[in-house]
Amino acid sequence: QLLPASPENIALAAALLQRGEVVGLPTET
């Protein structure tokens, strides 16, 4: 899934990470 970094999708990313998954996320670099 390619989703905008909205609060809902940030929560989804956090839940995936807590379950041991990997997530692509933006940084300033």
mmCIF file of all heavy atoms, coordinates in Angstrom:
data_MODEL
# 
_entry.id   MODEL 
# 
loop_
_atom_site.group_PDB 
_atom_site.id 
_atom_site.type_symbol 
_atom_site.label_atom_id 
_atom_site.label_alt_id 
_atom_site.label_comp_id 
_atom_site.label_asym_id 
_atom_site.label_entity_id 
_atom_site.label_seq_id 
_atom_site.pdbx_PDB_ins_code 
_atom_site.Cartn_x 
_atom_site.Cartn_y 
_atom_site.Cartn_z 
_atom_site.occupancy 
_atom_site.B_iso_or_equiv 
_atom_site.pdbx_formal_charge 
_atom_site.auth_seq_id 
_atom_site.auth_comp_id 
_atom_site.auth_asym_id 
_atom_site.auth_atom_id 
_atom_site.pdbx_PDB_model_num 
ATOM 1   N N   . GLN A 1 1  ? 0.840  -1.189 0.000  1.00 0.00 ? 1  GLN A N   1 
ATOM 2   C CA  . GLN A 1 1  ? 0.000  0.000  0.000  1.00 0.00 ? 1  GLN A CA  1 
ATOM 3   C C   . GLN A 1 1  ? 0.880  1.246  0.000  1.00 0.00 ? 1  GLN A C   1 
ATOM 4   O O   . GLN A 1 1  ? 1.846  1.327  0.766  1.00 0.00 ? 1  GLN A O   1 
ATOM 5   C CB  . GLN A 1 1  ? -0.901 0.023  1.227  1.00 0.00 ? 1  GLN A CB  1 
ATOM 6   C CG  . GLN A 1 1  ? -1.921 -1.088 1.295  1.00 0.00 ? 1  GLN A CG  1 
ATOM 7   C CD  . GLN A 1 1  ? -2.850 -0.881 2.475  1.00 0.00 ? 1  GLN A CD  1 
ATOM 8   O OE1 . GLN A 1 1  ? -3.839 -0.147 2.394  1.00 0.00 ? 1  GLN A OE1 1 
ATOM 9   N NE2 . GLN A 1 1  ? -2.535 -1.531 3.580  1.00 0.00 ? 1  GLN A NE2 1 
ATOM 10  N N   . LEU A 1 2  ? 0.543  2.206  -0.843 1.00 0.00 ? 2  LEU A N   1 
ATOM 11  C CA  . LEU A 1 2  ? 1.197  3.513  -0.870 1.00 0.00 ? 2  LEU A CA  1 
ATOM 12  C C   . LEU A 1 2  ? 0.164  4.534  -0.421 1.00 0.00 ? 2  LEU A C   1 
ATOM 13  O O   . LEU A 1 2  ? -0.787 4.826  -1.152 1.00 0.00 ? 2  LEU A O   1 
ATOM 14  C CB  . LEU A 1 2  ? 1.713  3.821  -2.276 1.00 0.00 ? 2  LEU A CB  1 
ATOM 15  C CG  . LEU A 1 2  ? 2.339  5.197  -2.518 1.00 0.00 ? 2  LEU A CG  1 
ATOM 16  C CD1 . LEU A 1 2  ? 3.502  5.455  -1.569 1.00 0.00 ? 2  LEU A CD1 1 
ATOM 17  C CD2 . LEU A 1 2  ? 2.791  5.334  -3.966 1.00 0.00 ? 2  LEU A CD2 1 
ATOM 18  N N   . LEU A 1 3  ? 0.339  5.064  0.802  1.00 0.00 ? 3  LEU A N   1 
ATOM 19  C CA  . LEU A 1 3  ? -0.681 5.888  1.425  1.00 0.00 ? 3  LEU A CA  1 
ATOM 20  C C   . LEU A 1 3  ? -0.089 7.203  1.925  1.00 0.00 ? 3  LEU A C   1 
ATOM 21  O O   . LEU A 1 3  ? 1.078  7.246  2.336  1.00 0.00 ? 3  LEU A O   1 
ATOM 22  C CB  . LEU A 1 3  ? -1.313 5.143  2.609  1.00 0.00 ? 3  LEU A CB  1 
ATOM 23  C CG  . LEU A 1 3  ? -1.968 3.790  2.309  1.00 0.00 ? 3  LEU A CG  1 
ATOM 24  C CD1 . LEU A 1 3  ? -2.400 3.118  3.613  1.00 0.00 ? 3  LEU A CD1 1 
ATOM 25  C CD2 . LEU A 1 3  ? -3.158 3.962  1.372  1.00 0.00 ? 3  LEU A CD2 1 
ATOM 26  N N   . PRO A 1 4  ? -0.884 8.271  1.928  1.00 0.00 ? 4  PRO A N   1 
ATOM 27  C CA  . PRO A 1 4  ? -0.396 9.534  2.482  1.00 0.00 ? 4  PRO A CA  1 
ATOM 28  C C   . PRO A 1 4  ? -0.135 9.400  3.980  1.00 0.00 ? 4  PRO A C   1 
ATOM 29  O O   . PRO A 1 4  ? -0.764 8.584  4.664  1.00 0.00 ? 4  PRO A O   1 
ATOM 30  C CB  . PRO A 1 4  ? -1.534 10.516 2.195  1.00 0.00 ? 4  PRO A CB  1 
ATOM 31  C CG  . PRO A 1 4  ? -2.747 9.667  2.005  1.00 0.00 ? 4  PRO A CG  1 
ATOM 32  C CD  . PRO A 1 4  ? -2.263 8.384  1.413  1.00 0.00 ? 4  PRO A CD  1 
ATOM 33  N N   . ALA A 1 5  ? 0.801  10.222 4.478  1.00 0.00 ? 5  ALA A N   1 
ATOM 34  C CA  . ALA A 1 5  ? 1.188  10.143 5.892  1.00 0.00 ? 5  ALA A CA  1 
ATOM 35  C C   . ALA A 1 5  ? 0.190  10.899 6.765  1.00 0.00 ? 5  ALA A C   1 
ATOM 36  O O   . ALA A 1 5  ? 0.526  11.853 7.468  1.00 0.00 ? 5  ALA A O   1 
ATOM 37  C CB  . ALA A 1 5  ? 2.597  10.688 6.070  1.00 0.00 ? 5  ALA A CB  1 
ATOM 38  N N   . SER A 1 6  ? -1.049 10.434 6.742  1.00 0.00 ? 6  SER A N   1 
ATOM 39  C CA  . SER A 1 6  ? -2.111 11.011 7.570  1.00 0.00 ? 6  SER A CA  1 
ATOM 40  C C   . SER A 1 6  ? -2.049 10.389 8.955  1.00 0.00 ? 6  SER A C   1 
ATOM 41  O O   . SER A 1 6  ? -1.403 9.350  9.162  1.00 0.00 ? 6  SER A O   1 
ATOM 42  C CB  . SER A 1 6  ? -3.469 10.706 6.940  1.00 0.00 ? 6  SER A CB  1 
ATOM 43  O OG  . SER A 1 6  ? -3.704 9.301  6.960  1.00 0.00 ? 6  SER A OG  1 
ATOM 44  N N   . PRO A 1 7  ? -2.720 10.983 9.953  1.00 0.00 ? 7  PRO A N   1 
ATOM 45  C CA  . PRO A 1 7  ? -2.730 10.381 11.301 1.00 0.00 ? 7  PRO A CA  1 
ATOM 46  C C   . PRO A 1 7  ? -3.222 8.931  11.300 1.00 0.00 ? 7  PRO A C   1 
ATOM 47  O O   . PRO A 1 7  ? -2.666 8.084  12.011 1.00 0.00 ? 7  PRO A O   1 
ATOM 48  C CB  . PRO A 1 7  ? -3.669 11.304 12.076 1.00 0.00 ? 7  PRO A CB  1 
ATOM 49  C CG  . PRO A 1 7  ? -3.523 12.636 11.407 1.00 0.00 ? 7  PRO A CG  1 
ATOM 50  C CD  . PRO A 1 7  ? -3.364 12.316 9.948  1.00 0.00 ? 7  PRO A CD  1 
ATOM 51  N N   . GLU A 1 8  ? -4.239 8.635  10.487 1.00 0.00 ? 8  GLU A N   1 
ATOM 52  C CA  . GLU A 1 8  ? -4.758 7.265  10.439 1.00 0.00 ? 8  GLU A CA  1 
ATOM 53  C C   . GLU A 1 8  ? -3.722 6.293  9.888  1.00 0.00 ? 8  GLU A C   1 
ATOM 54  O O   . GLU A 1 8  ? -3.563 5.174  10.402 1.00 0.00 ? 8  GLU A O   1 
ATOM 55  C CB  . GLU A 1 8  ? -6.024 7.215  9.572  1.00 0.00 ? 8  GLU A CB  1 
ATOM 56  C CG  . GLU A 1 8  ? -7.203 8.007  10.110 1.00 0.00 ? 8  GLU A CG  1 
ATOM 57  C CD  . GLU A 1 8  ? -7.101 9.504  9.835  1.00 0.00 ? 8  GLU A CD  1 
ATOM 58  O OE1 . GLU A 1 8  ? -6.207 9.915  9.042  1.00 0.00 ? 8  GLU A OE1 1 
ATOM 59  O OE2 . GLU A 1 8  ? -7.894 10.265 10.427 1.00 0.00 ? 8  GLU A OE2 1 
ATOM 60  N N   . ASN A 1 9  ? -3.014 6.728  8.856  1.00 0.00 ? 9  ASN A N   1 
ATOM 61  C CA  . ASN A 1 9  ? -2.027 5.841  8.245  1.00 0.00 ? 9  ASN A CA  1 
ATOM 62  C C   . ASN A 1 9  ? -0.740 5.763  9.065  1.00 0.00 ? 9  ASN A C   1 
ATOM 63  O O   . ASN A 1 9  ? -0.050 4.735  9.027  1.00 0.00 ? 9  ASN A O   1 
ATOM 64  C CB  . ASN A 1 9  ? -1.737 6.301  6.821  1.00 0.00 ? 9  ASN A CB  1 
ATOM 65  C CG  . ASN A 1 9  ? -2.947 6.156  5.922  1.00 0.00 ? 9  ASN A CG  1 
ATOM 66  O OD1 . ASN A 1 9  ? -3.773 5.259  6.126  1.00 0.00 ? 9  ASN A OD1 1 
ATOM 67  N ND2 . ASN A 1 9  ? -3.083 7.037  4.942  1.00 0.00 ? 9  ASN A ND2 1 
ATOM 68  N N   . ILE A 1 10 ? -0.427 6.801  9.806  1.00 0.00 ? 10 ILE A N   1 
ATOM 69  C CA  . ILE A 1 10 ? 0.683  6.724  10.757 1.00 0.00 ? 10 ILE A CA  1 
ATOM 70  C C   . ILE A 1 10 ? 0.369  5.692  11.837 1.00 0.00 ? 10 ILE A C   1 
ATOM 71  O O   . ILE A 1 10 ? 1.234  4.894  12.226 1.00 0.00 ? 10 ILE A O   1 
ATOM 72  C CB  . ILE A 1 10 ? 0.969  8.116  11.357 1.00 0.00 ? 10 ILE A CB  1 
ATOM 73  C CG1 . ILE A 1 10 ? 1.695  8.988  10.320 1.00 0.00 ? 10 ILE A CG1 1 
ATOM 74  C CG2 . ILE A 1 10 ? 1.783  8.012  12.647 1.00 0.00 ? 10 ILE A CG2 1 
ATOM 75  C CD1 . ILE A 1 10 ? 1.799  10.435 10.687 1.00 0.00 ? 10 ILE A CD1 1 
ATOM 76  N N   . ALA A 1 11 ? -0.872 5.667  12.299 1.00 0.00 ? 11 ALA A N   1 
ATOM 77  C CA  . ALA A 1 11 ? -1.283 4.652  13.278 1.00 0.00 ? 11 ALA A CA  1 
ATOM 78  C C   . ALA A 1 11 ? -1.190 3.244  12.682 1.00 0.00 ? 11 ALA A C   1 
ATOM 79  O O   . ALA A 1 11 ? -0.780 2.294  13.361 1.00 0.00 ? 11 ALA A O   1 
ATOM 80  C CB  . ALA A 1 11 ? -2.702 4.936  13.758 1.00 0.00 ? 11 ALA A CB  1 
ATOM 81  N N   . LEU A 1 12 ? -1.564 3.110  11.408 1.00 0.00 ? 12 LEU A N   1 
ATOM 82  C CA  . LEU A 1 12 ? -1.447 1.814  10.726 1.00 0.00 ? 12 LEU A CA  1 
ATOM 83  C C   . LEU A 1 12 ? 0.017  1.388  10.643 1.00 0.00 ? 12 LEU A C   1 
ATOM 84  O O   . LEU A 1 12 ? 0.356  0.222  10.914 1.00 0.00 ? 12 LEU A O   1 
ATOM 85  C CB  . LEU A 1 12 ? -2.047 1.917  9.326  1.00 0.00 ? 12 LEU A CB  1 
ATOM 86  C CG  . LEU A 1 12 ? -1.851 0.707  8.401  1.00 0.00 ? 12 LEU A CG  1 
ATOM 87  C CD1 . LEU A 1 12 ? -2.485 -0.548 8.999  1.00 0.00 ? 12 LEU A CD1 1 
ATOM 88  C CD2 . LEU A 1 12 ? -2.432 1.001  7.014  1.00 0.00 ? 12 LEU A CD2 1 
ATOM 89  N N   . ALA A 1 13 ? 0.901  2.325  10.279 1.00 0.00 ? 13 ALA A N   1 
ATOM 90  C CA  . ALA A 1 13 ? 2.335  2.016  10.202 1.00 0.00 ? 13 ALA A CA  1 
ATOM 91  C C   . ALA A 1 13 ? 2.867  1.585  11.559 1.00 0.00 ? 13 ALA A C   1 
ATOM 92  O O   . ALA A 1 13 ? 3.621  0.598  11.665 1.00 0.00 ? 13 ALA A O   1 
ATOM 93  C CB  . ALA A 1 13 ? 3.098  3.233  9.690  1.00 0.00 ? 13 ALA A CB  1 
ATOM 94  N N   . ALA A 1 14 ? 2.464  2.291  12.611 1.00 0.00 ? 14 ALA A N   1 
ATOM 95  C CA  . ALA A 1 14 ? 2.925  1.945  13.956 1.00 0.00 ? 14 ALA A CA  1 
ATOM 96  C C   . ALA A 1 14 ? 2.471  0.546  14.360 1.00 0.00 ? 14 ALA A C   1 
ATOM 97  O O   . ALA A 1 14 ? 3.235  -0.235 14.954 1.00 0.00 ? 14 ALA A O   1 
ATOM 98  C CB  . ALA A 1 14 ? 2.416  2.985  14.954 1.00 0.00 ? 14 ALA A CB  1 
ATOM 99  N N   . ALA A 1 15 ? 1.229  0.199  14.017 1.00 0.00 ? 15 ALA A N   1 
ATOM 100 C CA  . ALA A 1 15 ? 0.716  -1.131 14.357 1.00 0.00 ? 15 ALA A CA  1 
ATOM 101 C C   . ALA A 1 15 ? 1.484  -2.221 13.614 1.00 0.00 ? 15 ALA A C   1 
ATOM 102 O O   . ALA A 1 15 ? 1.793  -3.280 14.183 1.00 0.00 ? 15 ALA A O   1 
ATOM 103 C CB  . ALA A 1 15 ? -0.776 -1.204 14.028 1.00 0.00 ? 15 ALA A CB  1 
ATOM 104 N N   . LEU A 1 16 ? 1.796  -1.979 12.348 1.00 0.00 ? 16 LEU A N   1 
ATOM 105 C CA  . LEU A 1 16 ? 2.583  -2.955 11.580 1.00 0.00 ? 16 LEU A CA  1 
ATOM 106 C C   . LEU A 1 16 ? 3.968  -3.137 12.196 1.00 0.00 ? 16 LEU A C   1 
ATOM 107 O O   . LEU A 1 16 ? 4.468  -4.263 12.326 1.00 0.00 ? 16 LEU A O   1 
ATOM 108 C CB  . LEU A 1 16 ? 2.712  -2.491 10.132 1.00 0.00 ? 16 LEU A CB  1 
ATOM 109 C CG  . LEU A 1 16 ? 1.472  -2.647 9.254  1.00 0.00 ? 16 LEU A CG  1 
ATOM 110 C CD1 . LEU A 1 16 ? 1.624  -1.862 7.950  1.00 0.00 ? 16 LEU A CD1 1 
ATOM 111 C CD2 . LEU A 1 16 ? 1.203  -4.120 8.952  1.00 0.00 ? 16 LEU A CD2 1 
ATOM 112 N N   . LEU A 1 17 ? 4.606  -2.046 12.580 1.00 0.00 ? 17 LEU A N   1 
ATOM 113 C CA  . LEU A 1 17 ? 5.932  -2.119 13.190 1.00 0.00 ? 17 LEU A CA  1 
ATOM 114 C C   . LEU A 1 17 ? 5.887  -2.875 14.512 1.00 0.00 ? 17 LEU A C   1 
ATOM 115 O O   . LEU A 1 17 ? 6.795  -3.667 14.816 1.00 0.00 ? 17 LEU A O   1 
ATOM 116 C CB  . LEU A 1 17 ? 6.486  -0.707 13.389 1.00 0.00 ? 17 LEU A CB  1 
ATOM 117 C CG  . LEU A 1 17 ? 6.852  0.027  12.092 1.00 0.00 ? 17 LEU A CG  1 
ATOM 118 C CD1 . LEU A 1 17 ? 6.979  1.521  12.334 1.00 0.00 ? 17 LEU A CD1 1 
ATOM 119 C CD2 . LEU A 1 17 ? 8.144  -0.528 11.508 1.00 0.00 ? 17 LEU A CD2 1 
ATOM 120 N N   . GLN A 1 18 ? 4.857  -2.664 15.274 1.00 0.00 ? 18 GLN A N   1 
ATOM 121 C CA  . GLN A 1 18 ? 4.711  -3.378 16.547 1.00 0.00 ? 18 GLN A CA  1 
ATOM 122 C C   . GLN A 1 18 ? 4.526  -4.880 16.332 1.00 0.00 ? 18 GLN A C   1 
ATOM 123 O O   . GLN A 1 18 ? 4.876  -5.674 17.210 1.00 0.00 ? 18 GLN A O   1 
ATOM 124 C CB  . GLN A 1 18 ? 3.534  -2.805 17.333 1.00 0.00 ? 18 GLN A CB  1 
ATOM 125 C CG  . GLN A 1 18 ? 3.788  -1.408 17.883 1.00 0.00 ? 18 GLN A CG  1 
ATOM 126 C CD  . GLN A 1 18 ? 2.528  -0.749 18.407 1.00 0.00 ? 18 GLN A CD  1 
ATOM 127 O OE1 . GLN A 1 18 ? 1.404  -1.147 18.074 1.00 0.00 ? 18 GLN A OE1 1 
ATOM 128 N NE2 . GLN A 1 18 ? 2.687  0.281  19.225 1.00 0.00 ? 18 GLN A NE2 1 
ATOM 129 N N   . ARG A 1 19 ? 4.008  -5.248 15.166 1.00 0.00 ? 19 ARG A N   1 
ATOM 130 C CA  . ARG A 1 19 ? 3.811  -6.675 14.843 1.00 0.00 ? 19 ARG A CA  1 
ATOM 131 C C   . ARG A 1 19 ? 5.039  -7.288 14.166 1.00 0.00 ? 19 ARG A C   1 
ATOM 132 O O   . ARG A 1 19 ? 4.999  -8.426 13.712 1.00 0.00 ? 19 ARG A O   1 
ATOM 133 C CB  . ARG A 1 19 ? 2.592  -6.846 13.936 1.00 0.00 ? 19 ARG A CB  1 
ATOM 134 C CG  . ARG A 1 19 ? 1.276  -6.466 14.589 1.00 0.00 ? 19 ARG A CG  1 
ATOM 135 C CD  . ARG A 1 19 ? 0.093  -7.165 13.913 1.00 0.00 ? 19 ARG A CD  1 
ATOM 136 N NE  . ARG A 1 19 ? -0.046 -6.818 12.514 1.00 0.00 ? 19 ARG A NE  1 
ATOM 137 C CZ  . ARG A 1 19 ? -0.815 -5.826 12.052 1.00 0.00 ? 19 ARG A CZ  1 
ATOM 138 N NH1 . ARG A 1 19 ? -1.491 -5.064 12.906 1.00 0.00 ? 19 ARG A NH1 1 
ATOM 139 N NH2 . ARG A 1 19 ? -0.917 -5.592 10.768 1.00 0.00 ? 19 ARG A NH2 1 
ATOM 140 N N   . GLY A 1 20 ? 6.126  -6.526 14.059 1.00 0.00 ? 20 GLY A N   1 
ATOM 141 C CA  . GLY A 1 20 ? 7.356  -7.063 13.485 1.00 0.00 ? 20 GLY A CA  1 
ATOM 142 C C   . GLY A 1 20 ? 7.464  -6.922 11.986 1.00 0.00 ? 20 GLY A C   1 
ATOM 143 O O   . GLY A 1 20 ? 8.299  -7.586 11.355 1.00 0.00 ? 20 GLY A O   1 
ATOM 144 N N   . GLU A 1 21 ? 6.644  -6.037 11.371 1.00 0.00 ? 21 GLU A N   1 
ATOM 145 C CA  . GLU A 1 21 ? 6.725  -5.804 9.930  1.00 0.00 ? 21 GLU A CA  1 
ATOM 146 C C   . GLU A 1 21 ? 7.670  -4.638 9.631  1.00 0.00 ? 21 GLU A C   1 
ATOM 147 O O   . GLU A 1 21 ? 8.146  -3.945 10.541 1.00 0.00 ? 21 GLU A O   1 
ATOM 148 C CB  . GLU A 1 21 ? 5.336  -5.508 9.369  1.00 0.00 ? 21 GLU A CB  1 
ATOM 149 C CG  . GLU A 1 21 ? 4.374  -6.674 9.455  1.00 0.00 ? 21 GLU A CG  1 
ATOM 150 C CD  . GLU A 1 21 ? 4.813  -7.865 8.620  1.00 0.00 ? 21 GLU A CD  1 
ATOM 151 O OE1 . GLU A 1 21 ? 5.616  -7.687 7.682  1.00 0.00 ? 21 GLU A OE1 1 
ATOM 152 O OE2 . GLU A 1 21 ? 4.346  -8.985 8.908  1.00 0.00 ? 21 GLU A OE2 1 
ATOM 153 N N   . VAL A 1 22 ? 7.922  -4.426 8.350  1.00 0.00 ? 22 VAL A N   1 
ATOM 154 C CA  . VAL A 1 22 ? 8.746  -3.307 7.905  1.00 0.00 ? 22 VAL A CA  1 
ATOM 155 C C   . VAL A 1 22 ? 7.871  -2.324 7.139  1.00 0.00 ? 22 VAL A C   1 
ATOM 156 O O   . VAL A 1 22 ? 6.898  -2.713 6.478  1.00 0.00 ? 22 VAL A O   1 
ATOM 157 C CB  . VAL A 1 22 ? 9.927  -3.773 7.020  1.00 0.00 ? 22 VAL A CB  1 
ATOM 158 C CG1 . VAL A 1 22 ? 10.921 -4.566 7.832  1.00 0.00 ? 22 VAL A CG1 1 
ATOM 159 C CG2 . VAL A 1 22 ? 9.443  -4.593 5.835  1.00 0.00 ? 22 VAL A CG2 1 
ATOM 160 N N   . VAL A 1 23 ? 8.231  -1.048 7.212  1.00 0.00 ? 23 VAL A N   1 
ATOM 161 C CA  . VAL A 1 23 ? 7.428  0.023  6.624  1.00 0.00 ? 23 VAL A CA  1 
ATOM 162 C C   . VAL A 1 23 ? 8.353  1.047  5.981  1.00 0.00 ? 23 VAL A C   1 
ATOM 163 O O   . VAL A 1 23 ? 9.380  1.411  6.565  1.00 0.00 ? 23 VAL A O   1 
ATOM 164 C CB  . VAL A 1 23 ? 6.560  0.705  7.712  1.00 0.00 ? 23 VAL A CB  1 
ATOM 165 C CG1 . VAL A 1 23 ? 5.897  1.960  7.178  1.00 0.00 ? 23 VAL A CG1 1 
ATOM 166 C CG2 . VAL A 1 23 ? 5.510  -0.262 8.244  1.00 0.00 ? 23 VAL A CG2 1 
ATOM 167 N N   . GLY A 1 24 ? 7.989  1.524  4.795  1.00 0.00 ? 24 GLY A N   1 
ATOM 168 C CA  . GLY A 1 24 ? 8.698  2.638  4.179  1.00 0.00 ? 24 GLY A CA  1 
ATOM 169 C C   . GLY A 1 24 ? 8.150  3.953  4.701  1.00 0.00 ? 24 GLY A C   1 
ATOM 170 O O   . GLY A 1 24 ? 6.932  4.151  4.713  1.00 0.00 ? 24 GLY A O   1 
ATOM 171 N N   . LEU A 1 25 ? 9.031  4.840  5.149  1.00 0.00 ? 25 LEU A N   1 
ATOM 172 C CA  . LEU A 1 25 ? 8.553  6.104  5.703  1.00 0.00 ? 25 LEU A CA  1 
ATOM 173 C C   . LEU A 1 25 ? 9.481  7.254  5.332  1.00 0.00 ? 25 LEU A C   1 
ATOM 174 O O   . LEU A 1 25 ? 10.671 7.046  5.094  1.00 0.00 ? 25 LEU A O   1 
ATOM 175 C CB  . LEU A 1 25 ? 8.374  6.021  7.221  1.00 0.00 ? 25 LEU A CB  1 
ATOM 176 C CG  . LEU A 1 25 ? 9.575  6.119  8.150  1.00 0.00 ? 25 LEU A CG  1 
ATOM 177 C CD1 . LEU A 1 25 ? 9.102  6.268  9.593  1.00 0.00 ? 25 LEU A CD1 1 
ATOM 178 C CD2 . LEU A 1 25 ? 10.468 4.902  8.036  1.00 0.00 ? 25 LEU A CD2 1 
ATOM 179 N N   . PRO A 1 26 ? 8.943  8.477  5.275  1.00 0.00 ? 26 PRO A N   1 
ATOM 180 C CA  . PRO A 1 26 ? 9.749  9.619  4.863  1.00 0.00 ? 26 PRO A CA  1 
ATOM 181 C C   . PRO A 1 26 ? 10.605 10.156 6.001  1.00 0.00 ? 26 PRO A C   1 
ATOM 182 O O   . PRO A 1 26 ? 10.219 10.107 7.172  1.00 0.00 ? 26 PRO A O   1 
ATOM 183 C CB  . PRO A 1 26 ? 8.691  10.658 4.466  1.00 0.00 ? 26 PRO A CB  1 
ATOM 184 C CG  . PRO A 1 26 ? 7.524  10.339 5.345  1.00 0.00 ? 26 PRO A CG  1 
ATOM 185 C CD  . PRO A 1 26 ? 7.536  8.843  5.516  1.00 0.00 ? 26 PRO A CD  1 
ATOM 186 N N   . THR A 1 27 ? 11.785 10.639 5.661  1.00 0.00 ? 27 THR A N   1 
ATOM 187 C CA  . THR A 1 27 ? 12.562 11.492 6.555  1.00 0.00 ? 27 THR A CA  1 
ATOM 188 C C   . THR A 1 27 ? 13.008 12.697 5.736  1.00 0.00 ? 27 THR A C   1 
ATOM 189 O O   . THR A 1 27 ? 12.765 12.755 4.529  1.00 0.00 ? 27 THR A O   1 
ATOM 190 C CB  . THR A 1 27 ? 13.803 10.778 7.146  1.00 0.00 ? 27 THR A CB  1 
ATOM 191 O OG1 . THR A 1 27 ? 14.853 10.777 6.194  1.00 0.00 ? 27 THR A OG1 1 
ATOM 192 C CG2 . THR A 1 27 ? 13.483 9.360  7.578  1.00 0.00 ? 27 THR A CG2 1 
ATOM 193 N N   . GLU A 1 28 ? 13.652 13.644 6.376  1.00 0.00 ? 28 GLU A N   1 
ATOM 194 C CA  . GLU A 1 28 ? 14.119 14.815 5.635  1.00 0.00 ? 28 GLU A CA  1 
ATOM 195 C C   . GLU A 1 28 ? 15.319 14.493 4.746  1.00 0.00 ? 28 GLU A C   1 
ATOM 196 O O   . GLU A 1 28 ? 15.618 15.232 3.803  1.00 0.00 ? 28 GLU A O   1 
ATOM 197 C CB  . GLU A 1 28 ? 14.469 15.956 6.602  1.00 0.00 ? 28 GLU A CB  1 
ATOM 198 C CG  . GLU A 1 28 ? 15.764 15.801 7.362  1.00 0.00 ? 28 GLU A CG  1 
ATOM 199 C CD  . GLU A 1 28 ? 15.664 14.887 8.576  1.00 0.00 ? 28 GLU A CD  1 
ATOM 200 O OE1 . GLU A 1 28 ? 14.702 14.093 8.692  1.00 0.00 ? 28 GLU A OE1 1 
ATOM 201 O OE2 . GLU A 1 28 ? 16.571 14.962 9.408  1.00 0.00 ? 28 GLU A OE2 1 
ATOM 202 N N   . THR A 1 29 ? 16.010 13.370 4.998  1.00 0.00 ? 29 THR A N   1 
ATOM 203 C CA  . THR A 1 29 ? 17.186 13.004 4.203  1.00 0.00 ? 29 THR A CA  1 
ATOM 204 C C   . THR A 1 29 ? 16.756 12.193 2.985  1.00 0.00 ? 29 THR A C   1 
ATOM 205 O O   . THR A 1 29 ? 16.750 12.694 1.867  1.00 0.00 ? 29 THR A O   1 
ATOM 206 C CB  . THR A 1 29 ? 18.198 12.248 5.068  1.00 0.00 ? 29 THR A CB  1 
ATOM 207 O OG1 . THR A 1 29 ? 17.570 11.078 5.643  1.00 0.00 ? 29 THR A OG1 1 
ATOM 208 C CG2 . THR A 1 29 ? 18.744 13.132 6.167  1.00 0.00 ? 29 THR A CG2 1 
# 
